[in-house]
Amino acid sequence: MSEESFLEFPCRFPIKAMGKADQALDLLVMEIVRRHAPDINEGTVTRRPSKGGNYIAVTVIVEATSKQQLNAIYQDLTDHPYILMVL
């Protein structure tokens, strides 16, 4: 049975990671994502604090080349203890 994908690769794909604001989360997320998408730069990253300022959301837009690449990025982000949620 083959897996169907609703995405056509390559494509621009946003990945959002959230964690506590006291961590250098944007740098951490960039480091993890670069393992799988080395061509990203700071211009593709946005940072947004929560209303109370306790948490931060970091969004990175990658040029995704495959579903396997996206799965690997999500897995590495999810596995890191500073990252609380990945969307």
Protein backbone atom coordinates (compact mmCIF):
# COMPACT_ATOMS: atom_id res chain seq x y z
CA MET A 1 0.00 0.00 0.00
CA SER A 2 1.50 3.35 -0.98
CA GLU A 3 1.15 6.49 1.09
CA GLU A 4 -0.60 9.35 -0.64
CA SER A 5 0.68 12.87 -0.16
CA PHE A 6 -1.35 16.01 -0.64
CA LEU A 7 1.86 17.94 -1.23
CA GLU A 8 3.77 18.24 -4.46
CA PHE A 9 7.50 18.36 -3.89
CA PRO A 10 9.49 20.49 -3.88
CA CYS A 11 7.36 23.04 -2.02
CA ARG A 12 7.65 25.77 0.59
CA PHE A 13 6.40 24.37 3.90
CA PRO A 14 6.07 26.16 7.27
CA ILE A 15 7.11 24.30 10.40
CA LYS A 16 6.17 25.77 13.80
CA ALA A 17 7.82 24.77 17.07
CA MET A 18 6.80 26.05 20.50
CA GLY A 19 8.63 26.11 23.80
CA LYS A 20 9.39 28.16 26.91
CA ALA A 21 10.51 31.71 26.24
CA ASP A 22 13.56 31.41 28.51
CA GLN A 23 15.35 29.22 25.95
CA ALA A 24 17.12 30.37 22.79
CA LEU A 25 14.43 28.46 20.95
CA ASP A 26 14.83 30.15 17.57
CA LEU A 27 18.51 29.17 17.37
CA LEU A 28 17.74 25.64 18.52
CA VAL A 29 14.95 25.18 15.96
CA MET A 30 17.17 26.53 13.16
CA GLU A 31 19.98 24.16 14.16
CA ILE A 32 17.65 21.14 14.09
CA VAL A 33 15.94 22.09 10.83
CA ARG A 34 19.29 22.80 9.11
CA ARG A 35 20.29 19.16 9.64
CA HIS A 36 17.64 18.27 7.08
CA ALA A 37 17.31 21.50 5.07
CA PRO A 38 20.74 23.16 5.08
CA ASP A 39 19.72 25.99 2.73
CA ILE A 40 17.45 27.84 5.20
CA ASN A 41 18.49 31.28 6.41
CA GLU A 42 17.40 33.72 9.10
CA GLY A 43 14.99 35.43 6.69
CA THR A 44 12.79 32.33 6.66
CA VAL A 45 12.35 32.32 10.44
CA THR A 46 9.75 34.23 12.45
CA ARG A 47 9.43 34.39 16.21
CA ARG A 48 6.26 35.15 18.14
CA PRO A 49 5.88 35.32 21.93
CA SER A 50 2.73 34.15 23.67
CA LYS A 51 0.34 36.71 25.12
CA GLY A 52 1.77 36.23 28.61
CA GLY A 53 5.35 36.07 27.36
CA ASN A 54 5.99 32.64 28.91
CA TYR A 55 6.20 30.77 25.62
CA ILE A 56 7.48 31.41 22.14
CA ALA A 57 6.52 30.06 18.73
CA VAL A 58 9.19 29.80 16.05
CA THR A 59 8.14 29.26 12.45
CA VAL A 60 10.64 28.17 9.80
CA ILE A 61 9.71 27.98 6.14
CA VAL A 62 11.65 25.23 4.39
CA GLU A 63 11.89 24.21 0.77
CA ALA A 64 10.70 20.65 1.37
CA THR A 65 11.94 18.02 -1.05
CA SER A 66 10.08 14.96 0.27
CA LYS A 67 7.68 13.65 2.87
CA GLN A 68 10.57 11.73 4.44
CA GLN A 69 12.49 14.99 4.91
CA LEU A 70 9.51 16.61 6.65
CA ASN A 71 8.98 13.54 8.84
CA ALA A 72 12.65 13.61 9.90
CA ILE A 73 12.45 17.33 10.78
CA TYR A 74 9.27 16.81 12.81
CA GLN A 75 10.77 13.80 14.61
CA ASP A 76 13.98 15.62 15.58
CA LEU A 77 12.05 18.66 16.79
CA THR A 78 9.59 16.53 18.77
CA ASP A 79 12.41 14.57 20.38
CA HIS A 80 14.14 17.66 21.82
CA PRO A 81 13.21 18.32 25.49
CA TYR A 82 13.03 22.15 25.09
CA ILE A 83 10.44 21.89 22.35
CA LEU A 84 6.96 21.42 23.76
CA MET A 85 4.90 21.23 20.57
CA VAL A 86 5.49 21.04 16.82
CA LEU A 87 2.89 21.95 14.20
